[in-house]
Amino acid sequence: MRAIKKVAAILMAIAVVASSAAIFVGIDPAVDLLASFEKEYEKNLFEAEYNLLDVAETEKGFIANALNRK
């Protein structure tokens, strides 16, 4: 019975080490994935802000043209 407990403890220790190693191996790809999401978000945010500025300039031009016609 004592030998079975020792073997079970060793197997559990191996399982803990293996799962910890799997977590550490998975961290790098997860960080890379998060960085790519952040980069894509910043790119889309820049494009949205640029488009809003473009719309504002266009509307400003329309308003200026309308005021000049009066």
PDB file of N, CA and C in Angstrom:
ATOM      1  N   MET A   1       0.825  -1.190   0.000  1.00  0.00           N
ATOM      2  CA  MET A   1       0.000   0.000   0.000  1.00  0.00           C
ATOM      3  C   MET A   1       0.868   1.252   0.000  1.00  0.00           C
ATOM      4  N   ARG A   2       1.940   1.200   0.735  1.00  0.00           N
ATOM      5  CA  ARG A   2       2.836   2.345   0.820  1.00  0.00           C
ATOM      6  C   ARG A   2       3.507   2.623  -0.530  1.00  0.00           C
ATOM      7  N   ALA A   3       3.837   1.557  -1.252  1.00  0.00           N
ATOM      8  CA  ALA A   3       4.470   1.702  -2.566  1.00  0.00           C
ATOM      9  C   ALA A   3       3.495   2.316  -3.560  1.00  0.00           C
ATOM     10  N   ILE A   4       2.239   1.949  -3.449  1.00  0.00           N
ATOM     11  CA  ILE A   4       1.224   2.497  -4.350  1.00  0.00           C
ATOM     12  C   ILE A   4       1.066   4.001  -4.112  1.00  0.00           C
ATOM     13  N   LYS A   5       1.093   4.435  -2.868  1.00  0.00           N
ATOM     14  CA  LYS A   5       0.988   5.856  -2.549  1.00  0.00           C
ATOM     15  C   LYS A   5       2.186   6.625  -3.098  1.00  0.00           C
ATOM     16  N   LYS A   6       3.377   6.022  -2.996  1.00  0.00           N
ATOM     17  CA  LYS A   6       4.579   6.690  -3.516  1.00  0.00           C
ATOM     18  C   LYS A   6       4.498   6.830  -5.031  1.00  0.00           C
ATOM     19  N   VAL A   7       4.072   5.774  -5.695  1.00  0.00           N
ATOM     20  CA  VAL A   7       3.941   5.819  -7.161  1.00  0.00           C
ATOM     21  C   VAL A   7       2.883   6.846  -7.559  1.00  0.00           C
ATOM     22  N   ALA A   8       1.772   6.880  -6.840  1.00  0.00           N
ATOM     23  CA  ALA A   8       0.718   7.853  -7.130  1.00  0.00           C
ATOM     24  C   ALA A   8       1.226   9.280  -6.916  1.00  0.00           C
ATOM     25  N   ALA A   9       1.986   9.504  -5.857  1.00  0.00           N
ATOM     26  CA  ALA A   9       2.542  10.828  -5.595  1.00  0.00           C
ATOM     27  C   ALA A   9       3.513  11.232  -6.688  1.00  0.00           C
ATOM     28  N   ILE A  10       4.327  10.303  -7.144  1.00  0.00           N
ATOM     29  CA  ILE A  10       5.280  10.603  -8.221  1.00  0.00           C
ATOM     30  C   ILE A  10       4.529  10.924  -9.512  1.00  0.00           C
ATOM     31  N   LEU A  11       3.502  10.153  -9.823  1.00  0.00           N
ATOM     32  CA  LEU A  11       2.718  10.411 -11.036  1.00  0.00           C
ATOM     33  C   LEU A  11       2.005  11.765 -10.960  1.00  0.00           C
ATOM     34  N   MET A  12       1.499  12.101  -9.788  1.00  0.00           N
ATOM     35  CA  MET A  12       0.857  13.406  -9.624  1.00  0.00           C
ATOM     36  C   MET A  12       1.872  14.540  -9.781  1.00  0.00           C
ATOM     37  N   ALA A  13       3.060  14.347  -9.240  1.00  0.00           N
ATOM     38  CA  ALA A  13       4.101  15.366  -9.383  1.00  0.00           C
ATOM     39  C   ALA A  13       4.480  15.543 -10.846  1.00  0.00           C
ATOM     40  N   ILE A  14       4.578  14.442 -11.557  1.00  0.00           N
ATOM     41  CA  ILE A  14       4.899  14.514 -12.993  1.00  0.00           C
ATOM     42  C   ILE A  14       3.780  15.244 -13.745  1.00  0.00           C
ATOM     43  N   ALA A  15       2.523  14.957 -13.381  1.00  0.00           N
ATOM     44  CA  ALA A  15       1.392  15.622 -14.037  1.00  0.00           C
ATOM     45  C   ALA A  15       1.416  17.128 -13.765  1.00  0.00           C
ATOM     46  N   VAL A  16       1.756  17.521 -12.544  1.00  0.00           N
ATOM     47  CA  VAL A  16       1.828  18.943 -12.206  1.00  0.00           C
ATOM     48  C   VAL A  16       2.933  19.633 -12.995  1.00  0.00           C
ATOM     49  N   VAL A  17       4.092  19.000 -13.065  1.00  0.00           N
ATOM     50  CA  VAL A  17       5.212  19.576 -13.817  1.00  0.00           C
ATOM     51  C   VAL A  17       4.861  19.672 -15.295  1.00  0.00           C
ATOM     52  N   ALA A  18       4.237  18.643 -15.832  1.00  0.00           N
ATOM     53  CA  ALA A  18       3.865  18.650 -17.255  1.00  0.00           C
ATOM     54  C   ALA A  18       2.842  19.742 -17.547  1.00  0.00           C
ATOM     55  N   SER A  19       1.843  19.890 -16.683  1.00  0.00           N
ATOM     56  CA  SER A  19       0.843  20.924 -16.938  1.00  0.00           C
ATOM     57  C   SER A  19       1.436  22.319 -16.774  1.00  0.00           C
ATOM     58  N   SER A  20       2.342  22.500 -15.830  1.00  0.00           N
ATOM     59  CA  SER A  20       3.009  23.793 -15.673  1.00  0.00           C
ATOM     60  C   SER A  20       3.858  24.112 -16.898  1.00  0.00           C
ATOM     61  N   ALA A  21       4.558  23.111 -17.406  1.00  0.00           N
ATOM     62  CA  ALA A  21       5.369  23.315 -18.610  1.00  0.00           C
ATOM     63  C   ALA A  21       4.480  23.684 -19.795  1.00  0.00           C
ATOM     64  N   ALA A  22       3.324  23.041 -19.899  1.00  0.00           N
ATOM     65  CA  ALA A  22       2.401  23.359 -20.995  1.00  0.00           C
ATOM     66  C   ALA A  22       1.903  24.798 -20.888  1.00  0.00           C
ATOM     67  N   ILE A  23       1.658  25.245 -19.676  1.00  0.00           N
ATOM     68  CA  ILE A  23       1.213  26.636 -19.486  1.00  0.00           C
ATOM     69  C   ILE A  23       2.312  27.599 -19.907  1.00  0.00           C
ATOM     70  N   PHE A  24       3.539  27.343 -19.483  1.00  0.00           N
ATOM     71  CA  PHE A  24       4.632  28.237 -19.845  1.00  0.00           C
ATOM     72  C   PHE A  24       4.904  28.233 -21.340  1.00  0.00           C
ATOM     73  N   VAL A  25       4.747  27.093 -21.990  1.00  0.00           N
ATOM     74  CA  VAL A  25       4.945  27.021 -23.442  1.00  0.00           C
ATOM     75  C   VAL A  25       3.847  27.806 -24.154  1.00  0.00           C
ATOM     76  N   GLY A  26       2.640  27.815 -23.593  1.00  0.00           N
ATOM     77  CA  GLY A  26       1.522  28.498 -24.224  1.00  0.00           C
ATOM     78  C   GLY A  26       1.491  29.996 -23.996  1.00  0.00           C
ATOM     79  N   ILE A  27       2.304  30.496 -23.102  1.00  0.00           N
ATOM     80  CA  ILE A  27       2.275  31.930 -22.793  1.00  0.00           C
ATOM     81  C   ILE A  27       2.774  32.769 -23.964  1.00  0.00           C
ATOM     82  N   ASP A  28       3.864  32.370 -24.584  1.00  0.00           N
ATOM     83  CA  ASP A  28       4.445  33.164 -25.671  1.00  0.00           C
ATOM     84  C   ASP A  28       3.482  33.338 -26.851  1.00  0.00           C
ATOM     85  N   PRO A  29       2.864  32.261 -27.346  1.00  0.00           N
ATOM     86  CA  PRO A  29       1.883  32.477 -28.423  1.00  0.00           C
ATOM     87  C   PRO A  29       0.691  33.325 -27.992  1.00  0.00           C
ATOM     88  N   ALA A  30       0.279  33.185 -26.734  1.00  0.00           N
ATOM     89  CA  ALA A  30      -0.849  33.989 -26.254  1.00  0.00           C
ATOM     90  C   ALA A  30      -0.482  35.469 -26.226  1.00  0.00           C
ATOM     91  N   VAL A  31       0.724  35.776 -25.796  1.00  0.00           N
ATOM     92  CA  VAL A  31       1.165  37.173 -25.768  1.00  0.00           C
ATOM     93  C   VAL A  31       1.277  37.724 -27.188  1.00  0.00           C
ATOM     94  N   ASP A  32       1.789  36.921 -28.100  1.00  0.00           N
ATOM     95  CA  ASP A  32       1.874  37.342 -29.500  1.00  0.00           C
ATOM     96  C   ASP A  32       0.482  37.613 -30.080  1.00  0.00           C
ATOM     97  N   LEU A  33      -0.470  36.744 -29.746  1.00  0.00           N
ATOM     98  CA  LEU A  33      -1.832  36.926 -30.238  1.00  0.00           C
ATOM     99  C   LEU A  33      -2.441  38.211 -29.683  1.00  0.00           C
ATOM    100  N   LEU A  34      -2.253  38.456 -28.400  1.00  0.00           N
ATOM    101  CA  LEU A  34      -2.767  39.696 -27.813  1.00  0.00           C
ATOM    102  C   LEU A  34      -2.113  40.928 -28.433  1.00  0.00           C
ATOM    103  N   ALA A  35      -0.815  40.847 -28.716  1.00  0.00           N
ATOM    104  CA  ALA A  35      -0.125  41.970 -29.346  1.00  0.00           C
ATOM    105  C   ALA A  35      -0.672  42.224 -30.747  1.00  0.00           C
ATOM    106  N   SER A  36      -0.981  41.160 -31.478  1.00  0.00           N
ATOM    107  CA  SER A  36      -1.534  41.354 -32.823  1.00  0.00           C
ATOM    108  C   SER A  36      -2.933  41.968 -32.741  1.00  0.00           C
ATOM    109  N   PHE A  37      -3.733  41.567 -31.728  1.00  0.00           N
ATOM    110  CA  PHE A  37      -5.043  42.181 -31.549  1.00  0.00           C
ATOM    111  C   PHE A  37      -4.907  43.666 -31.242  1.00  0.00           C
ATOM    112  N   GLU A  38      -3.948  44.008 -30.389  1.00  0.00           N
ATOM    113  CA  GLU A  38      -3.748  45.413 -30.035  1.00  0.00           C
ATOM    114  C   GLU A  38      -3.300  46.222 -31.249  1.00  0.00           C
ATOM    115  N   LYS A  39      -2.417  45.652 -32.045  1.00  0.00           N
ATOM    116  CA  LYS A  39      -1.932  46.342 -33.242  1.00  0.00           C
ATOM    117  C   LYS A  39      -3.077  46.575 -34.232  1.00  0.00           C
ATOM    118  N   GLU A  40      -3.920  45.559 -34.420  1.00  0.00           N
ATOM    119  CA  GLU A  40      -5.057  45.688 -35.325  1.00  0.00           C
ATOM    120  C   GLU A  40      -6.053  46.717 -34.797  1.00  0.00           C
ATOM    121  N   TYR A  41      -6.275  46.731 -33.480  1.00  0.00           N
ATOM    122  CA  TYR A  41      -7.182  47.707 -32.868  1.00  0.00           C
ATOM    123  C   TYR A  41      -6.666  49.130 -33.095  1.00  0.00           C
ATOM    124  N   GLU A  42      -5.383  49.343 -32.861  1.00  0.00           N
ATOM    125  CA  GLU A  42      -4.810  50.680 -33.047  1.00  0.00           C
ATOM    126  C   GLU A  42      -4.894  51.109 -34.501  1.00  0.00           C
ATOM    127  N   LYS A  43      -4.683  50.171 -35.415  1.00  0.00           N
ATOM    128  CA  LYS A  43      -4.782  50.486 -36.846  1.00  0.00           C
ATOM    129  C   LYS A  43      -6.210  50.902 -37.196  1.00  0.00           C
ATOM    130  N   ASN A  44      -7.192  50.140 -36.708  1.00  0.00           N
ATOM    131  CA  ASN A  44      -8.590  50.472 -36.985  1.00  0.00           C
ATOM    132  C   ASN A  44      -8.992  51.784 -36.318  1.00  0.00           C
ATOM    133  N   LEU A  45      -8.486  52.019 -35.125  1.00  0.00           N
ATOM    134  CA  LEU A  45      -8.791  53.273 -34.430  1.00  0.00           C
ATOM    135  C   LEU A  45      -8.231  54.458 -35.209  1.00  0.00           C
ATOM    136  N   PHE A  46      -7.005  54.340 -35.708  1.00  0.00           N
ATOM    137  CA  PHE A  46      -6.397  55.410 -36.505  1.00  0.00           C
ATOM    138  C   PHE A  46      -7.209  55.658 -37.763  1.00  0.00           C
ATOM    139  N   GLU A  47      -7.624  54.585 -38.436  1.00  0.00           N
ATOM    140  CA  GLU A  47      -8.413  54.748 -39.658  1.00  0.00           C
ATOM    141  C   GLU A  47      -9.757  55.419 -39.361  1.00  0.00           C
ATOM    142  N   ALA A  48     -10.385  55.044 -38.245  1.00  0.00           N
ATOM    143  CA  ALA A  48     -11.669  55.651 -37.886  1.00  0.00           C
ATOM    144  C   ALA A  48     -11.498  57.132 -37.590  1.00  0.00           C
ATOM    145  N   GLU A  49     -10.459  57.483 -36.850  1.00  0.00           N
ATOM    146  CA  GLU A  49     -10.224  58.894 -36.549  1.00  0.00           C
ATOM    147  C   GLU A  49      -9.916  59.676 -37.821  1.00  0.00           C
ATOM    148  N   TYR A  50      -9.143  59.083 -38.714  1.00  0.00           N
ATOM    149  CA  TYR A  50      -8.825  59.747 -39.987  1.00  0.00           C
ATOM    150  C   TYR A  50     -10.097  59.967 -40.799  1.00  0.00           C
ATOM    151  N   ASN A  51     -10.968  58.951 -40.825  1.00  0.00           N
ATOM    152  CA  ASN A  51     -12.218  59.085 -41.575  1.00  0.00           C
ATOM    153  C   ASN A  51     -13.109  60.160 -40.964  1.00  0.00           C
ATOM    154  N   LEU A  52     -13.145  60.244 -39.632  1.00  0.00           N
ATOM    155  CA  LEU A  52     -13.941  61.291 -38.987  1.00  0.00           C
ATOM    156  C   LEU A  52     -13.403  62.677 -39.319  1.00  0.00           C
ATOM    157  N   LEU A  53     -12.076  62.810 -39.340  1.00  0.00           N
ATOM    158  CA  LEU A  53     -11.492  64.098 -39.714  1.00  0.00           C
ATOM    159  C   LEU A  53     -11.808  64.442 -41.158  1.00  0.00           C
ATOM    160  N   ASP A  54     -11.779  63.433 -42.011  1.00  0.00           N
ATOM    161  CA  ASP A  54     -12.093  63.650 -43.420  1.00  0.00           C
ATOM    162  C   ASP A  54     -13.545  64.099 -43.579  1.00  0.00           C
ATOM    163  N   VAL A  55     -14.451  63.469 -42.844  1.00  0.00           N
ATOM    164  CA  VAL A  55     -15.857  63.859 -42.899  1.00  0.00           C
ATOM    165  C   VAL A  55     -16.029  65.276 -42.364  1.00  0.00           C
ATOM    166  N   ALA A  56     -15.343  65.599 -41.293  1.00  0.00           N
ATOM    167  CA  ALA A  56     -15.450  66.945 -40.716  1.00  0.00           C
ATOM    168  C   ALA A  56     -14.945  67.984 -41.703  1.00  0.00           C
ATOM    169  N   GLU A  57     -13.841  67.713 -42.372  1.00  0.00           N
ATOM    170  CA  GLU A  57     -13.324  68.653 -43.370  1.00  0.00           C
ATOM    171  C   GLU A  57     -14.296  68.798 -44.534  1.00  0.00           C
ATOM    172  N   THR A  58     -14.898  67.694 -44.955  1.00  0.00           N
ATOM    173  CA  THR A  58     -15.851  67.744 -46.062  1.00  0.00           C
ATOM    174  C   THR A  58     -17.071  68.566 -45.668  1.00  0.00           C
ATOM    175  N   GLU A  59     -17.597  68.312 -44.463  1.00  0.00           N
ATOM    176  CA  GLU A  59     -18.761  69.076 -44.011  1.00  0.00           C
ATOM    177  C   GLU A  59     -18.412  70.544 -43.832  1.00  0.00           C
ATOM    178  N   LYS A  60     -17.205  70.815 -43.367  1.00  0.00           N
ATOM    179  CA  LYS A  60     -16.763  72.204 -43.221  1.00  0.00           C
ATOM    180  C   LYS A  60     -16.744  72.884 -44.589  1.00  0.00           C
ATOM    181  N   GLY A  61     -16.280  72.153 -45.602  1.00  0.00           N
ATOM    182  CA  GLY A  61     -16.263  72.704 -46.952  1.00  0.00           C
ATOM    183  C   GLY A  61     -17.659  72.966 -47.477  1.00  0.00           C
ATOM    184  N   PHE A  62     -18.589  72.041 -47.227  1.00  0.00           N
ATOM    185  CA  PHE A  62     -19.967  72.247 -47.659  1.00  0.00           C
ATOM    186  C   PHE A  62     -20.583  73.446 -46.963  1.00  0.00           C
ATOM    187  N   ILE A  63     -20.341  73.577 -45.676  1.00  0.00           N
ATOM    188  CA  ILE A  63     -20.897  74.704 -44.927  1.00  0.00           C
ATOM    189  C   ILE A  63     -20.297  76.017 -45.425  1.00  0.00           C
ATOM    190  N   ALA A  64     -18.993  76.032 -45.668  1.00  0.00           N
ATOM    191  CA  ALA A  64     -18.349  77.257 -46.163  1.00  0.00           C
ATOM    192  C   ALA A  64     -18.908  77.619 -47.540  1.00  0.00           C
ATOM    193  N   ASN A  65     -19.083  76.637 -48.398  1.00  0.00           N
ATOM    194  CA  ASN A  65     -19.651  76.909 -49.725  1.00  0.00           C
ATOM    195  C   ASN A  65     -21.080  77.416 -49.620  1.00  0.00           C
ATOM    196  N   ALA A  66     -21.859  76.845 -48.706  1.00  0.00           N
ATOM    197  CA  ALA A  66     -23.237  77.294 -48.544  1.00  0.00           C
ATOM    198  C   ALA A  66     -23.287  78.728 -48.007  1.00  0.00           C
ATOM    199  N   LEU A  67     -22.397  79.074 -47.091  1.00  0.00           N
ATOM    200  CA  LEU A  67     -22.371  80.430 -46.552  1.00  0.00           C
ATOM    201  C   LEU A  67     -21.914  81.438 -47.599  1.00  0.00           C
ATOM    202  N   ASN A  68     -21.003  81.043 -48.468  1.00  0.00           N
ATOM    203  CA  ASN A  68     -20.505  81.941 -49.505  1.00  0.00           C
ATOM    204  C   ASN A  68     -21.561  82.204 -50.571  1.00  0.00           C
ATOM    205  N   ARG A  69     -22.479  81.292 -50.757  1.00  0.00           N
ATOM    206  CA  ARG A  69     -23.518  81.457 -51.772  1.00  0.00           C
ATOM    207  C   ARG A  69     -24.560  82.477 -51.346  1.00  0.00           C
ATOM    208  N   LYS A  70     -24.742  82.649 -50.043  1.00  0.00           N
ATOM    209  CA  LYS A  70     -25.804  83.550 -49.552  1.00  0.00           C
ATOM    210  C   LYS A  70     -25.467  84.958 -49.792  1.00  0.00           C
TER     211      LYS A  70
END
